[in-house]
Amino acid sequence: MKLHLDMCIGVRDCDIVSLARRSSNLKSISVRVPSDYSLPLPRLINDSLRLTDQSLRAVAHNCSMLESVEISFSDGEFPCLTSFTLNGILALIELCPVGILVLDRVYSFNDLGMEALCSAVFLETLELVRCQEITDEGLQLVTHFPRLCVLRLSKCLGLTDDGLRPLVESDKLEMLTVEDCPQVSERGIQGAAKFVSYKQDMSWLY
């Protein structure tokens, strides 16, 4: 069973809680929520009309078969600061056998989140897109992720070649993809995985 919610502004926490209690066989969830400044003003003011950690915790506690999690925020200049937090995301990782984690514009996910993933015994694939709070210090922790074999990094401003250096020496990853990370060079990813892919297009910055 899969659940995909794309910009469903009218969906509330109580809806997800109710659904989670009846979806013990849920294996995949994908949620894209609006940024704060893409919401109509009445909905922006009324917090009860946005999804929060309550939804994520309900899924974590009721959907013990969950294997794939994708959380993203809509494209926009302003991130959403009042929706899902690091604690809510980590509840999914801690209570469910999540093997695939995709985070896009999730500014609440930082180096502390990367540290917590060191205990993610099922995680095999991690994709981080525009997660600007992650630094080299957090990236270097990837060598301690128990089962990670695929890593994709895209448009992450805080990452440099230094963050990838421990991976070059670890022979851990099967595949590493780096796209449009301004401070990561093609030379910097060589040897960081058995298969590497690199693309650099800075047009997204302007």
Protein backbone atom coordinates (compact mmCIF):
# COMPACT_ATOMS: atom_id res chain seq x y z
CA MET A 1 0.00 0.00 0.00
CA LYS A 2 1.27 3.47 -0.96
CA LEU A 3 0.17 6.96 0.09
CA HIS A 4 0.97 10.02 -2.02
CA LEU A 5 -0.12 13.53 -0.94
CA ASP A 6 0.85 16.40 -3.21
CA MET A 7 0.00 19.92 -2.03
CA CYS A 8 -3.18 18.72 -0.31
CA ILE A 9 -3.79 21.91 1.64
CA GLY A 10 -7.08 20.76 3.16
CA VAL A 11 -5.64 17.61 4.75
CA ARG A 12 -5.31 17.87 8.54
CA ASP A 13 -3.46 15.91 11.21
CA CYS A 14 -6.65 14.22 12.32
CA ASP A 15 -7.14 12.89 8.78
CA ILE A 16 -3.68 11.32 8.69
CA VAL A 17 -4.06 9.92 12.21
CA SER A 18 -7.33 8.26 11.24
CA LEU A 19 -5.83 6.89 8.03
CA ALA A 20 -2.71 5.57 9.77
CA ARG A 21 -4.78 3.63 12.28
CA ARG A 22 -6.43 1.78 9.37
CA SER A 23 -3.28 1.30 7.28
CA SER A 24 -1.03 -1.15 9.08
CA ASN A 25 0.15 -2.46 5.69
CA LEU A 26 1.36 0.94 4.43
CA LYS A 27 4.79 0.52 2.83
CA SER A 28 5.42 3.87 1.15
CA ILE A 29 4.50 7.45 1.96
CA SER A 30 5.24 10.55 -0.13
CA VAL A 31 4.18 13.96 1.14
CA ARG A 32 4.75 17.34 -0.51
CA VAL A 33 3.46 20.23 1.55
CA PRO A 34 3.27 23.96 0.74
CA SER A 35 5.79 26.43 2.04
CA ASP A 36 4.53 29.04 4.51
CA TYR A 37 4.25 31.73 1.85
CA SER A 38 2.42 29.62 -0.71
CA LEU A 39 -0.55 29.12 1.61
CA PRO A 40 -3.62 31.33 1.45
CA LEU A 41 -3.52 33.74 4.40
CA PRO A 42 -6.44 32.19 6.37
CA ARG A 43 -4.78 28.78 6.21
CA LEU A 44 -1.39 30.22 7.11
CA ILE A 45 -2.87 31.72 10.28
CA ASN A 46 -4.84 28.60 11.23
CA ASP A 47 -2.24 26.01 12.29
CA SER A 48 -4.91 23.31 12.53
CA LEU A 49 -5.05 23.29 8.73
CA ARG A 50 -1.45 22.19 8.23
CA LEU A 51 0.24 18.83 8.75
CA THR A 52 2.63 18.54 11.70
CA ASP A 53 4.68 15.94 13.57
CA GLN A 54 1.44 14.52 14.92
CA SER A 55 0.83 13.01 11.48
CA LEU A 56 4.32 11.55 11.24
CA ARG A 57 4.14 10.07 14.72
CA ALA A 58 0.79 8.46 13.93
CA VAL A 59 2.28 6.82 10.85
CA ALA A 60 5.36 5.73 12.81
CA HIS A 61 3.29 4.08 15.56
CA ASN A 62 0.72 2.41 13.33
CA CYS A 63 2.52 1.48 10.10
CA SER A 64 5.19 -1.01 11.12
CA MET A 65 5.80 -2.13 7.51
CA LEU A 66 6.78 1.33 6.21
CA GLU A 67 9.82 1.03 3.93
CA SER A 68 9.93 4.25 1.90
CA VAL A 69 9.55 7.87 3.08
CA GLU A 70 9.63 10.98 0.91
CA ILE A 71 9.03 14.43 2.43
CA SER A 72 9.29 17.62 0.42
CA PHE A 73 8.20 21.21 0.54
CA SER A 74 6.95 23.18 -2.41
CA ASP A 75 9.34 25.29 -4.42
CA GLY A 76 9.52 28.81 -3.10
CA GLU A 77 11.79 31.40 -1.58
CA PHE A 78 10.53 30.77 1.94
CA PRO A 79 10.73 27.32 3.56
CA CYS A 80 8.00 25.93 5.79
CA LEU A 81 9.11 26.37 9.40
CA THR A 82 5.96 25.27 11.21
CA SER A 83 5.25 21.82 9.77
CA PHE A 84 7.39 18.68 10.13
CA THR A 85 10.37 18.89 12.48
CA LEU A 86 13.42 16.71 12.95
CA ASN A 87 11.73 14.81 15.79
CA GLY A 88 8.80 13.82 13.61
CA ILE A 89 11.01 12.58 10.80
CA LEU A 90 13.22 10.60 13.16
CA ALA A 91 10.17 8.91 14.69
CA LEU A 92 9.57 7.27 11.31
CA ILE A 93 13.18 6.12 11.10
CA GLU A 94 13.28 4.78 14.65
CA LEU A 95 9.97 2.88 14.63
CA CYS A 96 9.70 1.67 11.02
CA PRO A 97 12.00 -0.41 8.76
CA VAL A 98 12.65 2.55 6.43
CA GLY A 99 15.07 1.58 3.67
CA ILE A 100 14.57 4.64 1.45
CA LEU A 101 14.54 8.22 2.74
CA VAL A 102 14.12 11.24 0.44
CA LEU A 103 14.12 14.77 1.86
CA ASP A 104 13.61 17.82 -0.36
CA ARG A 105 13.83 21.35 1.08
CA VAL A 106 13.46 19.99 4.60
CA TYR A 107 15.28 22.71 6.49
CA SER A 108 14.62 21.09 9.86
CA PHE A 109 16.89 18.20 8.91
CA ASN A 110 20.45 19.04 9.93
CA ASP A 111 23.66 17.45 11.20
CA LEU A 112 21.81 16.15 14.27
CA GLY A 113 19.53 14.31 11.91
CA MET A 114 22.52 12.80 10.13
CA GLU A 115 23.89 11.70 13.48
CA ALA A 116 20.59 10.00 14.31
CA LEU A 117 20.75 8.07 11.02
CA CYS A 118 23.82 6.29 12.35
CA SER A 119 21.30 4.09 14.15
CA ALA A 120 19.07 3.54 11.09
CA VAL A 121 19.70 -0.16 10.66
CA PHE A 122 17.41 -0.55 7.61
CA LEU A 123 18.37 2.57 5.64
CA GLU A 124 19.95 1.71 2.28
CA THR A 125 19.14 4.74 0.12
CA LEU A 126 19.32 8.40 1.18
CA GLU A 127 18.52 11.35 -1.07
CA LEU A 128 18.99 14.93 0.12
CA VAL A 129 17.80 17.82 -2.04
CA ARG A 130 18.25 21.45 -0.96
CA CYS A 131 18.76 20.42 2.65
CA GLN A 132 20.79 23.50 3.45
CA GLU A 133 21.34 22.86 7.15
CA ILE A 134 23.55 19.84 6.50
CA THR A 135 27.29 20.54 6.61
CA ASP A 136 30.43 18.53 5.95
CA GLU A 137 30.39 17.42 9.57
CA GLY A 138 27.04 15.74 9.06
CA LEU A 139 27.98 14.27 5.69
CA GLN A 140 31.09 12.64 7.14
CA LEU A 141 28.82 10.57 9.39
CA VAL A 142 27.58 8.62 6.37
CA THR A 143 30.47 6.20 6.88
CA HIS A 144 28.76 5.13 10.12
CA PHE A 145 25.34 4.41 8.59
CA PRO A 146 24.98 0.61 9.02
CA ARG A 147 23.56 -0.42 5.62
CA LEU A 148 23.62 2.66 3.39
CA CYS A 149 24.76 1.89 -0.15
CA VAL A 150 23.15 4.62 -2.30
CA LEU A 151 23.55 8.35 -1.63
CA ARG A 152 22.16 11.17 -3.77
CA LEU A 153 22.98 14.83 -3.05
CA SER A 154 21.44 17.70 -4.98
CA LYS A 155 21.62 21.49 -4.59
CA CYS A 156 23.05 21.31 -1.06
CA LEU A 157 24.97 24.54 -0.42
CA GLY A 158 26.74 23.49 2.78
CA LEU A 159 28.63 20.50 1.39
CA THR A 160 32.21 20.47 0.08
CA ASP A 161 34.80 17.93 -0.98
CA ASP A 162 35.88 17.69 2.66
CA GLY A 163 32.58 16.07 3.59
CA LEU A 164 33.10 13.32 1.03
CA ARG A 165 36.72 12.58 1.91
CA PRO A 166 35.96 9.86 4.52
CA LEU A 167 33.86 8.03 1.91
CA VAL A 168 36.84 7.84 -0.45
CA GLU A 169 38.69 5.84 2.17
CA SER A 170 35.76 3.70 3.34
CA ASP A 171 34.75 1.76 0.21
CA LYS A 172 31.22 1.85 1.61
CA LEU A 173 28.87 3.14 -1.10
CA GLU A 174 27.73 1.32 -4.20
CA MET A 175 26.48 4.52 -5.84
CA LEU A 176 27.00 8.23 -5.24
CA THR A 177 25.20 10.92 -7.23
CA VAL A 178 26.08 14.59 -6.77
CA GLU A 179 24.16 17.21 -8.73
CA ASP A 180 24.42 21.01 -8.58
CA CYS A 181 26.23 21.24 -5.24
CA PRO A 182 28.37 24.35 -5.86
CA GLN A 183 31.21 23.49 -3.47
CA VAL A 184 31.62 19.84 -4.48
CA SER A 185 33.99 19.18 -7.38
CA GLU A 186 34.04 16.27 -9.80
CA ARG A 187 37.48 15.40 -8.52
CA GLY A 188 36.17 15.35 -4.95
CA ILE A 189 33.74 12.51 -5.59
CA GLN A 190 36.19 10.19 -7.34
CA GLY A 191 36.58 6.99 -5.37
CA ALA A 192 33.78 7.84 -2.96
CA ALA A 193 31.66 4.97 -4.33
CA LYS A 194 31.93 2.09 -6.77
CA PHE A 195 29.81 4.09 -9.21
CA VAL A 196 29.75 7.89 -9.18
CA SER A 197 27.71 10.43 -11.14
CA TYR A 198 28.38 14.16 -11.21
CA LYS A 199 26.57 17.12 -12.73
CA GLN A 200 27.06 20.82 -12.15
CA ASP A 201 24.54 23.43 -13.32
CA MET A 202 24.46 26.62 -11.30
CA SER A 203 21.48 28.18 -13.09
CA TRP A 204 19.18 27.17 -10.20
CA LEU A 205 20.98 29.68 -7.97
CA TYR A 206 19.90 32.65 -10.05
